[in-house]
Amino acid sequence: MKIIISPAKKMVVDTDSFDYEQLPQYLDKSKLILKEMRKLTYKEAKKLWRCSDKLAEANFQWLQELEISNHLTPALLAFSGIQYQYMAPDLFTEPALAYVKNNLRILSGFYGILRPFDGVVPYRLEMQSNLKVSGSNLYDFWNSQIYQALGGMEDIVNLASKEYAKTIIPFLAPDQKFVTIVFGSIVDGKLKTKAALAKMARGEMVRFMAENQITKIEDIKYFSHPDWEYSPERSTKEQIVFVFQG
């Protein structure tokens, strides 16, 4: 079984907590992306990133200086957005770390796909960014390679956003199980996803699966959290739904 999650915009450098184990699988392709990004003017980069001048200035400077193979942080610790804060991988037990090493994969516009202990540097690039590499957008540039790196016909648990799940879904093998975990709130009688709450829950779900060594998709429904309740009536073969109780 493979669990897929999205990256986070916010990243840190942490070379002390854990050592990285290997370089990303598609590092040569990341170098091509970096080469294209370095051709951008500041104005073009800011437009690509859709951020404030303060963030754009810092990221543009970093873009010129970064060395893709030096001062590397394990991917699981490098991303520090809400999902990763609630996952709290720095507190994982040894069995939980072994579990995510085998089962968890982080999807990335810059790296394609990352194992938890791949060494990475901070970057800013979303999969849906309007960047052309070898004449293609990032979805076409990566094509089926992200899916191929998952390793074949294993079941896939989708905790990624739609933006990143789109790198996998078109390439699924016939009859391959792909189950999306949905965390929603009831608003005016309808199920709505609130981004911040969903990110928190996705991180806590990864922690639950790792701590409990979940190997069967059906056992995900036993996720125990005071704010979330499994909803069998809203769940299907393709999705497992949890409803916010707060």
C-alpha atoms as a PDB file:
ATOM      1  CA  MET A   1       0.000   0.000   0.000  1.00  0.00           C
ATOM      2  CA  LYS A   2       1.171   3.509  -0.826  1.00  0.00           C
ATOM      3  CA  ILE A   3      -0.046   6.728   0.796  1.00  0.00           C
ATOM      4  CA  ILE A   4       0.282   9.904  -1.247  1.00  0.00           C
ATOM      5  CA  ILE A   5       0.309  13.414   0.216  1.00  0.00           C
ATOM      6  CA  SER A   6       0.889  16.939  -1.070  1.00  0.00           C
ATOM      7  CA  PRO A   7       3.985  18.994  -0.295  1.00  0.00           C
ATOM      8  CA  ALA A   8       3.815  22.310   1.587  1.00  0.00           C
ATOM      9  CA  LYS A   9       4.869  25.777   0.487  1.00  0.00           C
ATOM     10  CA  LYS A  10       6.596  26.394   3.797  1.00  0.00           C
ATOM     11  CA  MET A  11       9.939  24.596   4.072  1.00  0.00           C
ATOM     12  CA  VAL A  12      12.866  24.548   6.487  1.00  0.00           C
ATOM     13  CA  VAL A  13      16.446  23.313   6.555  1.00  0.00           C
ATOM     14  CA  ASP A  14      17.043  20.672   9.250  1.00  0.00           C
ATOM     15  CA  THR A  15      20.251  18.722   8.891  1.00  0.00           C
ATOM     16  CA  ASP A  16      20.368  17.648  12.562  1.00  0.00           C
ATOM     17  CA  SER A  17      17.216  15.672  13.467  1.00  0.00           C
ATOM     18  CA  PHE A  18      17.621  12.863  10.909  1.00  0.00           C
ATOM     19  CA  ASP A  19      20.130  12.123   8.171  1.00  0.00           C
ATOM     20  CA  TYR A  20      18.820  11.942   4.635  1.00  0.00           C
ATOM     21  CA  GLU A  21      19.218   8.491   3.071  1.00  0.00           C
ATOM     22  CA  GLN A  22      19.298   9.073  -0.682  1.00  0.00           C
ATOM     23  CA  LEU A  23      18.821  11.663  -3.371  1.00  0.00           C
ATOM     24  CA  PRO A  24      15.421  12.094  -5.032  1.00  0.00           C
ATOM     25  CA  GLN A  25      14.694   9.576  -7.756  1.00  0.00           C
ATOM     26  CA  TYR A  26      14.232  12.123 -10.535  1.00  0.00           C
ATOM     27  CA  LEU A  27      16.906  14.650  -9.589  1.00  0.00           C
ATOM     28  CA  ASP A  28      18.062  15.064 -13.200  1.00  0.00           C
ATOM     29  CA  LYS A  29      14.573  16.258 -14.128  1.00  0.00           C
ATOM     30  CA  SER A  30      14.584  18.638 -11.153  1.00  0.00           C
ATOM     31  CA  LYS A  31      17.784  20.142 -12.532  1.00  0.00           C
ATOM     32  CA  LEU A  32      15.989  20.857 -15.815  1.00  0.00           C
ATOM     33  CA  ILE A  33      13.202  22.602 -13.915  1.00  0.00           C
ATOM     34  CA  LEU A  34      15.710  24.636 -11.929  1.00  0.00           C
ATOM     35  CA  LYS A  35      17.442  25.682 -15.139  1.00  0.00           C
ATOM     36  CA  GLU A  36      14.141  26.985 -16.539  1.00  0.00           C
ATOM     37  CA  MET A  37      13.248  28.763 -13.307  1.00  0.00           C
ATOM     38  CA  ARG A  38      16.571  30.574 -13.296  1.00  0.00           C
ATOM     39  CA  LYS A  39      15.718  32.052 -16.689  1.00  0.00           C
ATOM     40  CA  LEU A  40      12.787  33.924 -15.150  1.00  0.00           C
ATOM     41  CA  THR A  41      13.017  37.623 -14.400  1.00  0.00           C
ATOM     42  CA  TYR A  42      11.996  38.733 -10.931  1.00  0.00           C
ATOM     43  CA  LYS A  43       8.653  39.949 -12.289  1.00  0.00           C
ATOM     44  CA  GLU A  44       8.009  36.618 -14.011  1.00  0.00           C
ATOM     45  CA  ALA A  45       8.979  34.634 -10.910  1.00  0.00           C
ATOM     46  CA  LYS A  46       6.692  36.699  -8.690  1.00  0.00           C
ATOM     47  CA  LYS A  47       3.815  36.098 -11.093  1.00  0.00           C
ATOM     48  CA  LEU A  48       4.590  32.365 -11.136  1.00  0.00           C
ATOM     49  CA  TRP A  49       4.655  32.181  -7.346  1.00  0.00           C
ATOM     50  CA  ARG A  50       1.630  34.445  -6.799  1.00  0.00           C
ATOM     51  CA  CYS A  51       3.031  35.821  -3.571  1.00  0.00           C
ATOM     52  CA  SER A  52       3.952  39.092  -1.859  1.00  0.00           C
ATOM     53  CA  ASP A  53       7.056  41.096  -2.732  1.00  0.00           C
ATOM     54  CA  LYS A  54       8.603  40.110   0.590  1.00  0.00           C
ATOM     55  CA  LEU A  55       8.284  36.393  -0.178  1.00  0.00           C
ATOM     56  CA  ALA A  56       9.143  36.820  -3.857  1.00  0.00           C
ATOM     57  CA  GLU A  57      12.347  38.743  -3.119  1.00  0.00           C
ATOM     58  CA  ALA A  58      13.566  36.103  -0.657  1.00  0.00           C
ATOM     59  CA  ASN A  59      12.653  33.221  -2.964  1.00  0.00           C
ATOM     60  CA  PHE A  60      14.165  34.860  -6.033  1.00  0.00           C
ATOM     61  CA  GLN A  61      17.451  35.375  -4.205  1.00  0.00           C
ATOM     62  CA  TRP A  62      17.366  31.780  -2.970  1.00  0.00           C
ATOM     63  CA  LEU A  63      16.656  30.541  -6.493  1.00  0.00           C
ATOM     64  CA  GLN A  64      19.921  32.018  -7.741  1.00  0.00           C
ATOM     65  CA  GLU A  65      21.978  30.572  -4.891  1.00  0.00           C
ATOM     66  CA  LEU A  66      20.582  27.139  -4.077  1.00  0.00           C
ATOM     67  CA  GLU A  67      22.723  24.069  -4.618  1.00  0.00           C
ATOM     68  CA  ILE A  68      20.452  21.148  -5.299  1.00  0.00           C
ATOM     69  CA  SER A  69      22.807  18.515  -3.856  1.00  0.00           C
ATOM     70  CA  ASN A  70      24.115  20.319  -0.739  1.00  0.00           C
ATOM     71  CA  HIS A  71      22.764  21.011   2.760  1.00  0.00           C
ATOM     72  CA  LEU A  72      19.980  18.492   2.313  1.00  0.00           C
ATOM     73  CA  THR A  73      17.049  17.878   4.650  1.00  0.00           C
ATOM     74  CA  PRO A  74      14.975  14.676   4.693  1.00  0.00           C
ATOM     75  CA  ALA A  75      11.770  15.499   2.824  1.00  0.00           C
ATOM     76  CA  LEU A  76       9.552  14.486   5.748  1.00  0.00           C
ATOM     77  CA  LEU A  77      11.144  17.203   7.875  1.00  0.00           C
ATOM     78  CA  ALA A  78      11.758  19.771   5.146  1.00  0.00           C
ATOM     79  CA  PHE A  79       8.063  20.495   4.603  1.00  0.00           C
ATOM     80  CA  SER A  80       6.640  22.367   7.574  1.00  0.00           C
ATOM     81  CA  GLY A  81       3.111  23.411   6.606  1.00  0.00           C
ATOM     82  CA  ILE A  82      -0.013  22.639   8.648  1.00  0.00           C
ATOM     83  CA  GLN A  83      -0.296  19.025   7.501  1.00  0.00           C
ATOM     84  CA  TYR A  84       3.279  18.263   8.508  1.00  0.00           C
ATOM     85  CA  GLN A  85       2.969  20.070  11.838  1.00  0.00           C
ATOM     86  CA  TYR A  86       0.007  17.876  12.753  1.00  0.00           C
ATOM     87  CA  MET A  87       1.785  14.784  11.483  1.00  0.00           C
ATOM     88  CA  ALA A  88       4.736  15.639  13.788  1.00  0.00           C
ATOM     89  CA  PRO A  89       7.203  13.213  12.174  1.00  0.00           C
ATOM     90  CA  ASP A  90      10.013  14.310  14.499  1.00  0.00           C
ATOM     91  CA  LEU A  91       8.120  12.494  17.277  1.00  0.00           C
ATOM     92  CA  PHE A  92       7.589   9.231  15.384  1.00  0.00           C
ATOM     93  CA  THR A  93       8.671   5.978  16.994  1.00  0.00           C
ATOM     94  CA  GLU A  94      11.100   3.734  15.129  1.00  0.00           C
ATOM     95  CA  PRO A  95       8.275   1.465  13.870  1.00  0.00           C
ATOM     96  CA  ALA A  96       6.320   4.522  12.669  1.00  0.00           C
ATOM     97  CA  LEU A  97       9.374   5.858  10.849  1.00  0.00           C
ATOM     98  CA  ALA A  98       9.875   2.468   9.197  1.00  0.00           C
ATOM     99  CA  TYR A  99       6.200   2.469   8.169  1.00  0.00           C
ATOM    100  CA  VAL A 100       6.299   5.871   6.461  1.00  0.00           C
ATOM    101  CA  LYS A 101       9.617   5.015   4.839  1.00  0.00           C
ATOM    102  CA  ASN A 102       7.956   2.040   3.147  1.00  0.00           C
ATOM    103  CA  ASN A 103       4.500   3.455   2.489  1.00  0.00           C
ATOM    104  CA  LEU A 104       4.431   7.261   2.354  1.00  0.00           C
ATOM    105  CA  ARG A 105       5.240   9.285  -0.759  1.00  0.00           C
ATOM    106  CA  ILE A 106       5.219  13.072  -1.139  1.00  0.00           C
ATOM    107  CA  LEU A 107       4.213  14.455  -4.546  1.00  0.00           C
ATOM    108  CA  SER A 108       6.088  17.522  -5.775  1.00  0.00           C
ATOM    109  CA  GLY A 109       6.113  19.868  -8.739  1.00  0.00           C
ATOM    110  CA  PHE A 110       9.883  20.301  -8.419  1.00  0.00           C
ATOM    111  CA  TYR A 111      10.989  16.770  -7.484  1.00  0.00           C
ATOM    112  CA  GLY A 112       8.125  14.740  -8.940  1.00  0.00           C
ATOM    113  CA  ILE A 113       7.850  12.287  -6.070  1.00  0.00           C
ATOM    114  CA  LEU A 114       9.768  11.970  -2.822  1.00  0.00           C
ATOM    115  CA  ARG A 115      10.412   9.210  -0.346  1.00  0.00           C
ATOM    116  CA  PRO A 116      10.357  10.467   3.266  1.00  0.00           C
ATOM    117  CA  PHE A 117      14.132  10.394   3.654  1.00  0.00           C
ATOM    118  CA  ASP A 118      15.132  11.763   0.270  1.00  0.00           C
ATOM    119  CA  GLY A 119      17.413  14.771   0.724  1.00  0.00           C
ATOM    120  CA  VAL A 120      15.872  18.003  -0.542  1.00  0.00           C
ATOM    121  CA  VAL A 121      16.416  21.752  -0.530  1.00  0.00           C
ATOM    122  CA  PRO A 122      13.701  24.387  -0.024  1.00  0.00           C
ATOM    123  CA  TYR A 123      11.957  25.414  -3.245  1.00  0.00           C
ATOM    124  CA  ARG A 124       8.760  27.182  -4.283  1.00  0.00           C
ATOM    125  CA  LEU A 125       6.881  25.594  -7.160  1.00  0.00           C
ATOM    126  CA  GLU A 126       3.344  24.249  -7.265  1.00  0.00           C
ATOM    127  CA  MET A 127       2.362  21.498  -9.687  1.00  0.00           C
ATOM    128  CA  GLN A 128      -0.210  23.729 -11.377  1.00  0.00           C
ATOM    129  CA  SER A 129       2.264  26.598 -11.839  1.00  0.00           C
ATOM    130  CA  ASN A 130       2.436  28.099 -15.321  1.00  0.00           C
ATOM    131  CA  LEU A 131       6.026  27.033 -15.989  1.00  0.00           C
ATOM    132  CA  LYS A 132       7.126  25.500 -19.263  1.00  0.00           C
ATOM    133  CA  VAL A 133       9.906  22.912 -19.152  1.00  0.00           C
ATOM    134  CA  SER A 134      10.998  21.370 -22.454  1.00  0.00           C
ATOM    135  CA  GLY A 135       7.909  22.990 -23.941  1.00  0.00           C
ATOM    136  CA  SER A 136       5.485  21.302 -21.533  1.00  0.00           C
ATOM    137  CA  ASN A 137       3.595  22.268 -18.397  1.00  0.00           C
ATOM    138  CA  LEU A 138       4.562  20.362 -15.269  1.00  0.00           C
ATOM    139  CA  TYR A 139       1.822  17.742 -15.634  1.00  0.00           C
ATOM    140  CA  ASP A 140       2.981  16.855 -19.138  1.00  0.00           C
ATOM    141  CA  PHE A 141       6.648  17.163 -18.159  1.00  0.00           C
ATOM    142  CA  TRP A 142       6.260  14.557 -15.405  1.00  0.00           C
ATOM    143  CA  ASN A 143       3.720  12.521 -17.385  1.00  0.00           C
ATOM    144  CA  SER A 144       3.466   8.994 -15.936  1.00  0.00           C
ATOM    145  CA  GLN A 145       6.808   8.975 -14.100  1.00  0.00           C
ATOM    146  CA  ILE A 146       5.356   9.977 -10.735  1.00  0.00           C
ATOM    147  CA  TYR A 147       2.886   7.108 -10.909  1.00  0.00           C
ATOM    148  CA  GLN A 148       5.565   4.688 -12.089  1.00  0.00           C
ATOM    149  CA  ALA A 149       7.679   5.483  -9.039  1.00  0.00           C
ATOM    150  CA  LEU A 150       4.895   4.172  -6.785  1.00  0.00           C
ATOM    151  CA  GLY A 151       5.800   0.689  -7.908  1.00  0.00           C
ATOM    152  CA  GLY A 152       2.966  -0.960  -9.778  1.00  0.00           C
ATOM    153  CA  MET A 153      -0.354  -2.409  -8.668  1.00  0.00           C
ATOM    154  CA  GLU A 154      -0.283  -1.586  -4.959  1.00  0.00           C
ATOM    155  CA  ASP A 155      -3.389  -0.036  -3.398  1.00  0.00           C
ATOM    156  CA  ILE A 156      -3.123   3.760  -3.123  1.00  0.00           C
ATOM    157  CA  VAL A 157      -4.493   5.848  -0.273  1.00  0.00           C
ATOM    158  CA  ASN A 158      -4.970   9.403  -1.484  1.00  0.00           C
ATOM    159  CA  LEU A 159      -4.408  12.137   1.103  1.00  0.00           C
ATOM    160  CA  ALA A 160      -3.225  14.609  -1.530  1.00  0.00           C
ATOM    161  CA  SER A 161      -5.047  17.637  -2.902  1.00  0.00           C
ATOM    162  CA  LYS A 162      -6.754  17.438  -6.306  1.00  0.00           C
ATOM    163  CA  GLU A 163      -3.840  19.404  -7.808  1.00  0.00           C
ATOM    164  CA  TYR A 164      -1.411  16.619  -6.947  1.00  0.00           C
ATOM    165  CA  ALA A 165      -3.724  13.599  -7.238  1.00  0.00           C
ATOM    166  CA  LYS A 166      -4.052  14.545 -10.933  1.00  0.00           C
ATOM    167  CA  THR A 167      -0.461  13.335 -11.431  1.00  0.00           C
ATOM    168  CA  ILE A 168      -1.545   9.789 -10.512  1.00  0.00           C
ATOM    169  CA  ILE A 169      -5.187   9.225 -11.492  1.00  0.00           C
ATOM    170  CA  PRO A 170      -4.790   9.216 -15.318  1.00  0.00           C
ATOM    171  CA  PHE A 171      -2.223   6.423 -15.129  1.00  0.00           C
ATOM    172  CA  LEU A 172      -3.892   4.003 -12.719  1.00  0.00           C
ATOM    173  CA  ALA A 173      -3.926   0.417 -13.890  1.00  0.00           C
ATOM    174  CA  PRO A 174      -7.329  -1.185 -14.545  1.00  0.00           C
ATOM    175  CA  ASP A 175      -8.923  -2.356 -11.273  1.00  0.00           C
ATOM    176  CA  GLN A 176      -6.181  -0.748  -9.182  1.00  0.00           C
ATOM    177  CA  LYS A 177      -7.607   0.432  -5.877  1.00  0.00           C
ATOM    178  CA  PHE A 178      -7.313   4.192  -5.386  1.00  0.00           C
ATOM    179  CA  VAL A 179      -9.169   5.488  -2.327  1.00  0.00           C
ATOM    180  CA  THR A 180      -9.425   9.165  -1.414  1.00  0.00           C
ATOM    181  CA  ILE A 181      -9.793  10.119   2.248  1.00  0.00           C
ATOM    182  CA  VAL A 182     -12.227  13.018   2.564  1.00  0.00           C
ATOM    183  CA  PHE A 183     -12.415  15.279   5.608  1.00  0.00           C
ATOM    184  CA  GLY A 184     -15.478  17.507   5.346  1.00  0.00           C
ATOM    185  CA  SER A 185     -17.851  19.725   7.301  1.00  0.00           C
ATOM    186  CA  ILE A 186     -21.626  19.826   6.905  1.00  0.00           C
ATOM    187  CA  VAL A 187     -22.577  23.292   5.644  1.00  0.00           C
ATOM    188  CA  ASP A 188     -26.232  23.904   4.740  1.00  0.00           C
ATOM    189  CA  GLY A 189     -26.745  20.178   4.551  1.00  0.00           C
ATOM    190  CA  LYS A 190     -23.854  19.612   2.153  1.00  0.00           C
ATOM    191  CA  LEU A 191     -20.380  18.212   2.710  1.00  0.00           C
ATOM    192  CA  LYS A 192     -17.749  20.928   2.250  1.00  0.00           C
ATOM    193  CA  THR A 193     -13.991  20.682   2.593  1.00  0.00           C
ATOM    194  CA  LYS A 194     -12.369  23.440   4.629  1.00  0.00           C
ATOM    195  CA  ALA A 195      -8.724  23.605   3.628  1.00  0.00           C
ATOM    196  CA  ALA A 196      -7.080  24.231   7.002  1.00  0.00           C
ATOM    197  CA  LEU A 197      -9.130  21.598   8.826  1.00  0.00           C
ATOM    198  CA  ALA A 198      -8.507  19.059   6.065  1.00  0.00           C
ATOM    199  CA  LYS A 199      -4.749  19.669   6.147  1.00  0.00           C
ATOM    200  CA  MET A 200      -4.672  19.152   9.916  1.00  0.00           C
ATOM    201  CA  ALA A 201      -6.671  15.942   9.602  1.00  0.00           C
ATOM    202  CA  ARG A 202      -4.525  14.572   6.770  1.00  0.00           C
ATOM    203  CA  GLY A 203      -1.431  14.981   8.911  1.00  0.00           C
ATOM    204  CA  GLU A 204      -3.115  13.283  11.849  1.00  0.00           C
ATOM    205  CA  MET A 205      -4.288  10.479   9.571  1.00  0.00           C
ATOM    206  CA  VAL A 206      -0.715   9.759   8.455  1.00  0.00           C
ATOM    207  CA  ARG A 207       0.313   9.655  12.122  1.00  0.00           C
ATOM    208  CA  PHE A 208      -2.587   7.287  12.941  1.00  0.00           C
ATOM    209  CA  MET A 209      -1.699   4.959  10.084  1.00  0.00           C
ATOM    210  CA  ALA A 210       1.993   4.941  10.993  1.00  0.00           C
ATOM    211  CA  GLU A 211       1.460   4.411  14.711  1.00  0.00           C
ATOM    212  CA  ASN A 212      -1.057   1.632  14.084  1.00  0.00           C
ATOM    213  CA  GLN A 213       0.818   0.055  11.169  1.00  0.00           C
ATOM    214  CA  ILE A 214      -2.293   0.130   8.958  1.00  0.00           C
ATOM    215  CA  THR A 215      -1.980  -2.265   6.004  1.00  0.00           C
ATOM    216  CA  LYS A 216      -5.637  -2.624   4.972  1.00  0.00           C
ATOM    217  CA  ILE A 217      -7.618   0.272   3.526  1.00  0.00           C
ATOM    218  CA  GLU A 218     -10.766  -0.806   5.366  1.00  0.00           C
ATOM    219  CA  ASP A 219      -8.998  -0.242   8.702  1.00  0.00           C
ATOM    220  CA  ILE A 220      -8.657   3.470   7.964  1.00  0.00           C
ATOM    221  CA  LYS A 221     -12.265   3.951   9.109  1.00  0.00           C
ATOM    222  CA  TYR A 222     -11.107   3.238  12.670  1.00  0.00           C
ATOM    223  CA  PHE A 223      -9.275   6.575  12.722  1.00  0.00           C
ATOM    224  CA  SER A 224      -9.990   7.810  16.224  1.00  0.00           C
ATOM    225  CA  HIS A 225     -10.176  11.566  16.792  1.00  0.00           C
ATOM    226  CA  PRO A 226     -12.584  13.675  18.858  1.00  0.00           C
ATOM    227  CA  ASP A 227     -13.174  16.109  15.968  1.00  0.00           C
ATOM    228  CA  TRP A 228     -13.849  13.572  13.218  1.00  0.00           C
ATOM    229  CA  GLU A 229     -16.375  10.797  12.774  1.00  0.00           C
ATOM    230  CA  TYR A 230     -16.401   8.156  10.076  1.00  0.00           C
ATOM    231  CA  SER A 231     -19.488   8.502   7.841  1.00  0.00           C
ATOM    232  CA  PRO A 232     -20.420   5.117   6.308  1.00  0.00           C
ATOM    233  CA  GLU A 233     -23.435   6.564   4.503  1.00  0.00           C
ATOM    234  CA  ARG A 234     -21.261   9.103   2.654  1.00  0.00           C
ATOM    235  CA  SER A 235     -18.401   6.706   1.951  1.00  0.00           C
ATOM    236  CA  THR A 236     -18.042   4.651  -1.239  1.00  0.00           C
ATOM    237  CA  LYS A 237     -15.534   2.232  -2.748  1.00  0.00           C
ATOM    238  CA  GLU A 238     -13.592   5.244  -4.024  1.00  0.00           C
ATOM    239  CA  GLN A 239     -13.652   7.420  -0.920  1.00  0.00           C
ATOM    240  CA  ILE A 240     -13.716   7.173   2.861  1.00  0.00           C
ATOM    241  CA  VAL A 241     -15.468  10.147   4.432  1.00  0.00           C
ATOM    242  CA  PHE A 242     -14.986  11.674   7.852  1.00  0.00           C
ATOM    243  CA  VAL A 243     -17.269  14.463   9.077  1.00  0.00           C
ATOM    244  CA  PHE A 244     -16.104  17.269  11.347  1.00  0.00           C
ATOM    245  CA  GLN A 245     -17.756  17.206  14.774  1.00  0.00           C
ATOM    246  CA  GLY A 246     -16.372  20.470  16.208  1.00  0.00           C
END
